[in-house]
Amino acid sequence: MPVEAPCQVAILCTQLCTSLHFSLAKNKWERYGLNTNDKNLSNWVIRASHDWLLPIYERMKSLMMAKTILHVDETYSQIINRSDGKSGQSNAYNWVYRSVPSQGPTIVLFQSSLSRARSVLESFIEDYSGTIVCDGYSAYDKIEGVTFANCWAHVRRYWMKANSKNGQIGVSYCDALYRLERKFKHLSPSKRRKKRQKFALPIVKKFLDWVEKSPFYGKNALAKAAEYTLNRANGLKAFLKDGRIEIDNNPAENAIRPNVMGRKNWLFSVSEAGAKANAICLSIAETAKANGVDFYRYLLKLLTDFPNLDIYQHSEILNQYMPWSKMIQAECGR
């Protein structure tokens, strides 16, 4: 059985996990006579994340993999001590996975990795079967059981970069689709699909036909926009067939912002274990926020209760501690 942890330890670990930078917590504790160092602080977060937060993360992942639509994105990061022998200056990556509200409570999960390879995505989703909404990165392709829906916001950016009359024509097609999406936003998935089939489908067909018949050649911005669009034509049509699928990958891009902003504060992770702990903490924080739960109170609840519960032998207990559970909503809701 886990050893009972004093509430004060839970509070200290909670303050660490919720601080943007360890020095914020460190300076606060020093005023009360608690002297420590960055290595100890890091190890506390890693240990707390592995022992008490990882079970929640893995339960959330299990529930996420049962859904049929996910948003996925990735951004670079830095890990100093890498197991692959590469320099600490080499890019590591943080991936984000976000479920859609039409399929139950929103779940946001981060994954730390040393690369941006397709194998990272495959190892995370394992036997997942469904649709992944994503940008045009080549890793998002050719995975058995997975359909990829491409992002119209990325298409629009390519035509914006063309900065020409034809470029503006491409943008105008995209804008026409977005005007429709704003009208359909609050409809049920089935009604949204019907509206898209009636109004958006003709625009998509006309746009792709225009791109295909236009003589855009070479390496200029216009040719790149045309190539990007035509290479992803099937993925760009996916939102027309399912009202639950968004027209773009903005939910994932918004979800990954805390990681983008965070690296300006913490700069890098020294170890892979630290990067993994960071991903776990961010996952629980963002999922809590998405479900109207105060992260500090939620984290304090987890770190206070779990050492006194046999969550490893009785994993069903974890269901009571999901951010959307009645108990957590009542005790930690904002």
Protein backbone atom coordinates (compact mmCIF):
# COMPACT_ATOMS: atom_id res chain seq x y z
CA MET A 1 0.00 0.00 0.00
CA PRO A 2 1.25 3.56 -0.68
CA VAL A 3 2.69 5.39 2.30
CA GLU A 4 0.56 8.26 3.59
CA ALA A 5 1.92 11.64 2.45
CA PRO A 6 1.57 14.72 4.68
CA CYS A 7 -0.66 17.41 3.23
CA GLN A 8 2.26 19.86 3.36
CA VAL A 9 4.21 17.73 0.87
CA ALA A 10 1.22 17.68 -1.46
CA ILE A 11 1.01 21.47 -1.25
CA LEU A 12 4.72 21.85 -2.05
CA CYS A 13 4.48 19.55 -5.07
CA THR A 14 1.33 21.34 -6.22
CA GLN A 15 3.06 24.70 -6.03
CA LEU A 16 5.92 23.29 -8.10
CA CYS A 17 3.68 21.79 -10.77
CA THR A 18 1.65 24.99 -11.12
CA SER A 19 4.65 27.39 -11.23
CA LEU A 20 5.81 28.66 -14.61
CA HIS A 21 9.37 28.45 -13.36
CA PHE A 22 10.90 26.69 -10.37
CA SER A 23 12.50 29.93 -9.15
CA LEU A 24 9.02 31.31 -8.35
CA ALA A 25 8.37 28.50 -5.88
CA LYS A 26 11.98 28.41 -4.69
CA ASN A 27 12.06 32.11 -3.78
CA LYS A 28 8.74 31.83 -1.98
CA TRP A 29 9.91 28.87 0.11
CA GLU A 30 13.24 30.51 0.98
CA ARG A 31 11.32 33.32 2.69
CA TYR A 32 9.98 30.66 5.05
CA GLY A 33 13.40 29.12 5.67
CA LEU A 34 13.07 26.18 3.27
CA ASN A 35 16.33 26.03 1.32
CA THR A 36 16.67 23.67 -1.61
CA ASN A 37 18.00 23.63 -5.18
CA ASP A 38 16.71 23.26 -8.73
CA LYS A 39 17.74 19.60 -8.95
CA ASN A 40 15.66 18.68 -5.90
CA LEU A 41 12.69 20.66 -7.20
CA SER A 42 12.89 18.94 -10.58
CA ASN A 43 13.14 15.49 -9.00
CA TRP A 44 10.10 16.20 -6.83
CA VAL A 45 8.00 17.06 -9.88
CA ILE A 46 9.27 14.01 -11.79
CA ARG A 47 8.53 11.69 -8.84
CA ALA A 48 5.09 13.19 -8.15
CA SER A 49 4.19 13.03 -11.84
CA HIS A 50 5.26 9.39 -12.18
CA ASP A 51 3.71 8.11 -8.95
CA TRP A 52 0.44 10.05 -8.73
CA LEU A 53 -0.32 11.92 -11.95
CA LEU A 54 0.69 9.32 -14.56
CA PRO A 55 -2.26 7.01 -13.65
CA ILE A 56 -4.68 9.88 -14.36
CA TYR A 57 -2.85 10.66 -17.63
CA GLU A 58 -2.99 7.01 -18.76
CA ARG A 59 -6.68 6.76 -17.88
CA MET A 60 -7.38 9.90 -19.92
CA LYS A 61 -5.40 8.43 -22.82
CA SER A 62 -7.39 5.20 -22.67
CA LEU A 63 -10.64 7.16 -22.88
CA MET A 64 -9.28 9.34 -25.69
CA MET A 65 -8.27 6.37 -27.83
CA ALA A 66 -11.88 5.14 -27.72
CA LYS A 67 -13.05 8.29 -29.50
CA THR A 68 -13.26 8.50 -33.29
CA ILE A 69 -12.10 12.08 -33.92
CA LEU A 70 -8.91 13.72 -32.65
CA HIS A 71 -7.06 16.95 -33.33
CA VAL A 72 -3.25 16.56 -33.43
CA ASP A 73 -0.39 19.04 -33.68
CA GLU A 74 3.28 19.25 -32.69
CA THR A 75 5.89 21.89 -31.87
CA TYR A 76 9.60 21.83 -31.20
CA SER A 77 11.23 21.80 -27.76
CA GLN A 78 14.67 21.11 -26.33
CA ILE A 79 16.06 18.31 -24.14
CA ILE A 80 19.68 18.67 -23.05
CA ASN A 81 20.56 15.07 -22.11
CA ARG A 82 19.24 12.90 -24.93
CA SER A 83 19.36 9.11 -25.09
CA ASP A 84 19.78 9.10 -28.89
CA GLY A 85 23.25 10.64 -28.74
CA LYS A 86 22.24 13.85 -30.51
CA SER A 87 23.31 17.27 -29.29
CA GLY A 88 21.17 19.03 -26.73
CA GLN A 89 20.78 21.80 -29.32
CA SER A 90 18.86 19.42 -31.59
CA ASN A 91 15.11 19.81 -31.75
CA ALA A 92 12.96 17.58 -29.59
CA TYR A 93 9.19 17.74 -29.96
CA ASN A 94 6.00 18.05 -27.98
CA TRP A 95 2.85 16.62 -29.54
CA VAL A 96 -0.68 17.55 -28.49
CA TYR A 97 -3.84 15.46 -28.89
CA ARG A 98 -7.29 16.97 -28.29
CA SER A 99 -10.71 15.32 -28.41
CA VAL A 100 -13.83 17.07 -29.72
CA PRO A 101 -16.72 18.27 -27.48
CA SER A 102 -19.33 16.36 -29.50
CA GLN A 103 -17.78 13.10 -28.20
CA GLY A 104 -17.94 13.75 -24.48
CA PRO A 105 -15.72 15.68 -22.05
CA THR A 106 -12.74 17.35 -23.72
CA ILE A 107 -9.38 15.67 -23.15
CA VAL A 108 -6.05 17.37 -23.95
CA LEU A 109 -2.89 15.27 -23.81
CA PHE A 110 0.73 16.21 -24.43
CA GLN A 111 3.50 13.80 -25.42
CA SER A 112 7.22 14.51 -25.24
CA SER A 113 9.44 12.90 -27.88
CA LEU A 114 12.92 13.16 -29.36
CA SER A 115 11.67 13.37 -32.93
CA ARG A 116 8.87 14.40 -35.24
CA ALA A 117 8.74 11.04 -37.02
CA ARG A 118 5.53 9.23 -37.94
CA SER A 119 6.59 6.41 -35.59
CA VAL A 120 6.05 8.73 -32.61
CA LEU A 121 2.45 9.30 -33.64
CA GLU A 122 1.94 5.60 -34.36
CA SER A 123 3.30 4.55 -30.97
CA PHE A 124 0.98 6.95 -29.15
CA ILE A 125 -2.26 6.13 -30.96
CA GLU A 126 -1.39 2.38 -31.30
CA ASP A 127 -4.57 0.64 -32.55
CA TYR A 128 -6.61 3.84 -32.81
CA SER A 129 -9.26 3.85 -35.54
CA GLY A 130 -10.89 7.08 -36.61
CA THR A 131 -10.23 10.53 -38.05
CA ILE A 132 -7.30 12.77 -37.17
CA VAL A 133 -7.63 16.47 -37.97
CA CYS A 134 -4.17 17.85 -38.73
CA ASP A 135 -2.00 20.14 -40.84
CA GLY A 136 -0.18 19.05 -43.98
CA TYR A 137 2.91 17.57 -42.33
CA SER A 138 3.90 14.30 -44.05
CA ALA A 139 3.80 12.24 -40.83
CA TYR A 140 0.02 12.61 -40.89
CA ASP A 141 -0.49 10.08 -43.63
CA LYS A 142 -0.65 6.37 -44.40
CA ILE A 143 -1.49 4.95 -40.97
CA GLU A 144 -3.73 1.91 -41.09
CA GLY A 145 -7.21 2.51 -39.73
CA VAL A 146 -6.81 6.30 -39.67
CA THR A 147 -8.44 8.87 -41.96
CA PHE A 148 -6.77 12.29 -42.07
CA ALA A 149 -8.79 15.50 -42.34
CA ASN A 150 -6.66 18.42 -43.47
CA CYS A 151 -6.79 22.00 -42.24
CA TRP A 152 -8.31 24.79 -44.35
CA ALA A 153 -6.59 27.46 -42.26
CA HIS A 154 -3.23 26.19 -43.55
CA VAL A 155 -4.53 26.25 -47.13
CA ARG A 156 -5.66 29.84 -46.68
CA ARG A 157 -2.22 30.85 -45.36
CA TYR A 158 -0.54 29.44 -48.46
CA TRP A 159 -2.80 31.47 -50.76
CA MET A 160 -2.26 34.57 -48.60
CA LYS A 161 1.50 34.21 -49.12
CA ALA A 162 0.97 34.22 -52.90
CA ASN A 163 0.14 37.95 -52.58
CA SER A 164 -1.32 38.31 -56.07
CA LYS A 165 -4.66 38.51 -57.84
CA ASN A 166 -4.84 34.72 -58.10
CA GLY A 167 -3.71 34.45 -54.51
CA GLN A 168 -6.65 36.63 -53.45
CA ILE A 169 -9.01 34.45 -55.48
CA GLY A 170 -7.77 31.41 -53.53
CA VAL A 171 -8.24 33.28 -50.23
CA SER A 172 -11.78 34.31 -51.26
CA TYR A 173 -12.78 30.65 -51.72
CA CYS A 174 -11.49 29.84 -48.24
CA ASP A 175 -13.23 32.87 -46.74
CA ALA A 176 -16.52 31.79 -48.31
CA LEU A 177 -16.22 28.43 -46.52
CA TYR A 178 -15.43 30.10 -43.21
CA ARG A 179 -18.45 32.40 -43.50
CA LEU A 180 -20.61 29.31 -43.84
CA GLU A 181 -18.90 27.61 -40.89
CA ARG A 182 -19.69 30.58 -38.65
CA LYS A 183 -23.36 30.19 -39.58
CA PHE A 184 -23.31 26.43 -38.96
CA LYS A 185 -21.27 26.56 -35.74
CA HIS A 186 -24.12 25.96 -33.28
CA LEU A 187 -25.92 23.30 -35.32
CA SER A 188 -25.93 19.63 -34.37
CA PRO A 189 -23.39 17.48 -36.26
CA SER A 190 -26.11 15.93 -38.45
CA LYS A 191 -27.61 19.30 -39.39
CA ARG A 192 -24.17 20.79 -39.96
CA ARG A 193 -23.32 17.96 -42.36
CA LYS A 194 -26.50 18.58 -44.36
CA LYS A 195 -25.79 22.31 -44.57
CA ARG A 196 -22.21 21.66 -45.67
CA GLN A 197 -23.35 19.24 -48.36
CA LYS A 198 -25.78 21.83 -49.71
CA PHE A 199 -23.70 25.02 -49.47
CA ALA A 200 -20.02 24.20 -48.83
CA LEU A 201 -19.58 21.24 -51.20
CA PRO A 202 -20.20 23.31 -54.38
CA ILE A 203 -17.61 25.88 -53.23
CA VAL A 204 -15.01 23.19 -52.52
CA LYS A 205 -15.59 21.57 -55.92
CA LYS A 206 -15.37 24.90 -57.73
CA PHE A 207 -12.20 25.86 -55.85
CA LEU A 208 -10.37 22.58 -56.52
CA ASP A 209 -11.46 22.64 -60.16
CA TRP A 210 -10.10 26.20 -60.51
CA VAL A 211 -6.77 25.23 -58.94
CA GLU A 212 -6.43 22.11 -61.08
CA LYS A 213 -7.12 23.96 -64.34
CA SER A 214 -4.99 27.02 -63.58
CA PRO A 215 -1.42 27.03 -65.00
CA PHE A 216 0.47 27.56 -61.73
CA TYR A 217 3.98 26.24 -62.34
CA GLY A 218 7.44 26.76 -60.87
CA LYS A 219 8.66 27.40 -57.35
CA ASN A 220 6.87 30.66 -56.63
CA ALA A 221 4.36 31.13 -53.81
CA LEU A 222 1.40 30.69 -56.13
CA ALA A 223 2.65 27.34 -57.44
CA LYS A 224 3.36 26.18 -53.86
CA ALA A 225 -0.18 27.11 -52.79
CA ALA A 226 -1.66 25.16 -55.70
CA GLU A 227 0.53 22.13 -55.03
CA TYR A 228 -0.24 22.18 -51.29
CA THR A 229 -3.97 22.35 -52.02
CA LEU A 230 -4.14 19.61 -54.66
CA ASN A 231 -1.90 17.21 -52.71
CA ARG A 232 -4.35 17.37 -49.81
CA ALA A 233 -7.61 17.50 -51.75
CA ASN A 234 -9.04 14.32 -50.19
CA GLY A 235 -8.21 15.44 -46.65
CA LEU A 236 -9.70 18.88 -47.31
CA LYS A 237 -13.03 17.28 -48.29
CA ALA A 238 -13.29 15.23 -45.08
CA PHE A 239 -15.18 17.90 -43.11
CA LEU A 240 -17.99 17.75 -45.70
CA LYS A 241 -18.79 14.13 -44.84
CA ASP A 242 -18.99 14.40 -41.03
CA GLY A 243 -20.51 17.26 -39.07
CA ARG A 244 -18.32 16.48 -36.06
CA ILE A 245 -15.14 17.31 -37.99
CA GLU A 246 -13.97 20.92 -37.82
CA ILE A 247 -12.91 22.78 -40.94
CA ASP A 248 -9.45 23.40 -39.49
CA ASN A 249 -7.00 22.25 -36.83
CA ASN A 250 -7.28 25.40 -34.71
CA PRO A 251 -8.41 23.47 -31.58
CA ALA A 252 -5.05 21.63 -31.54
CA GLU A 253 -3.07 24.77 -32.38
CA ASN A 254 -4.78 26.59 -29.51
CA ALA A 255 -4.19 23.61 -27.20
CA ILE A 256 -0.45 23.60 -27.87
CA ARG A 257 0.01 27.30 -27.08
CA PRO A 258 0.78 26.71 -23.37
CA ASN A 259 3.76 24.65 -24.50
CA VAL A 260 4.89 27.32 -26.96
CA MET A 261 4.55 30.04 -24.31
CA GLY A 262 5.98 27.82 -21.59
CA ARG A 263 9.29 27.14 -23.32
CA LYS A 264 9.98 30.89 -23.17
CA ASN A 265 9.94 30.51 -19.39
CA TRP A 266 11.52 27.12 -18.74
CA LEU A 267 13.63 27.22 -21.97
CA PHE A 268 14.44 23.49 -21.99
CA SER A 269 14.25 20.20 -20.12
CA VAL A 270 17.50 18.79 -18.78
CA SER A 271 16.34 15.17 -18.99
CA GLU A 272 13.81 13.11 -20.90
CA ALA A 273 12.19 12.22 -17.58
CA GLY A 274 11.72 15.93 -16.87
CA ALA A 275 10.20 16.50 -20.32
CA LYS A 276 7.78 13.62 -19.75
CA ALA A 277 6.78 14.99 -16.34
CA ASN A 278 6.19 18.39 -17.94
CA ALA A 279 3.93 16.78 -20.57
CA ILE A 280 1.92 14.98 -17.87
CA CYS A 281 1.44 18.16 -15.81
CA LEU A 282 0.41 20.19 -18.88
CA SER A 283 -2.03 17.46 -19.91
CA ILE A 284 -3.78 17.45 -16.56
CA ALA A 285 -3.77 21.25 -16.38
CA GLU A 286 -5.26 21.79 -19.83
CA THR A 287 -7.83 19.00 -19.46
CA ALA A 288 -8.89 20.43 -16.10
CA LYS A 289 -9.28 23.91 -17.60
CA ALA A 290 -11.24 22.55 -20.57
CA ASN A 291 -13.72 20.98 -18.12
CA GLY A 292 -14.15 24.02 -15.89
CA VAL A 293 -11.94 22.75 -13.05
CA ASP A 294 -9.47 24.87 -11.07
CA PHE A 295 -6.08 23.25 -11.72
CA TYR A 296 -4.49 24.14 -8.37
CA ARG A 297 -7.37 22.74 -6.33
CA TYR A 298 -7.60 19.67 -8.57
CA LEU A 299 -3.88 18.94 -8.31
CA LEU A 300 -3.93 19.40 -4.55
CA LYS A 301 -6.86 16.97 -4.36
CA LEU A 302 -4.98 14.34 -6.40
CA LEU A 303 -1.73 14.63 -4.47
CA THR A 304 -3.51 14.60 -1.11
CA ASP A 305 -5.87 11.67 -1.80
CA PHE A 306 -3.89 9.30 -4.02
CA PRO A 307 -1.15 8.33 -1.55
CA ASN A 308 -3.94 7.00 0.69
CA LEU A 309 -5.74 5.08 -2.06
CA ASP A 310 -4.82 1.81 -3.76
CA ILE A 311 -5.16 3.22 -7.28
CA TYR A 312 -2.74 0.68 -8.77
CA GLN A 313 -4.71 -2.37 -7.61
CA HIS A 314 -8.12 -0.76 -8.05
CA SER A 315 -7.85 1.44 -11.13
CA GLU A 316 -11.61 2.00 -11.21
CA ILE A 317 -11.04 4.55 -8.43
CA LEU A 318 -9.52 6.82 -11.08
CA ASN A 319 -12.94 7.35 -12.66
CA GLN A 320 -14.01 9.29 -9.57
CA TYR A 321 -11.03 11.64 -10.06
CA MET A 322 -11.50 12.55 -13.73
CA PRO A 323 -11.96 16.33 -14.12
CA TRP A 324 -15.56 15.84 -15.30
CA SER A 325 -16.61 13.52 -12.44
CA LYS A 326 -19.32 14.75 -10.08
CA MET A 327 -16.93 14.75 -7.11
CA ILE A 328 -14.22 16.80 -8.83
CA GLN A 329 -16.75 19.19 -10.34
CA ALA A 330 -18.26 19.75 -6.91
CA GLU A 331 -14.96 20.17 -5.03
CA CYS A 332 -12.72 21.77 -7.66
CA GLY A 333 -15.06 23.41 -10.16
CA ARG A 334 -14.50 27.05 -10.97
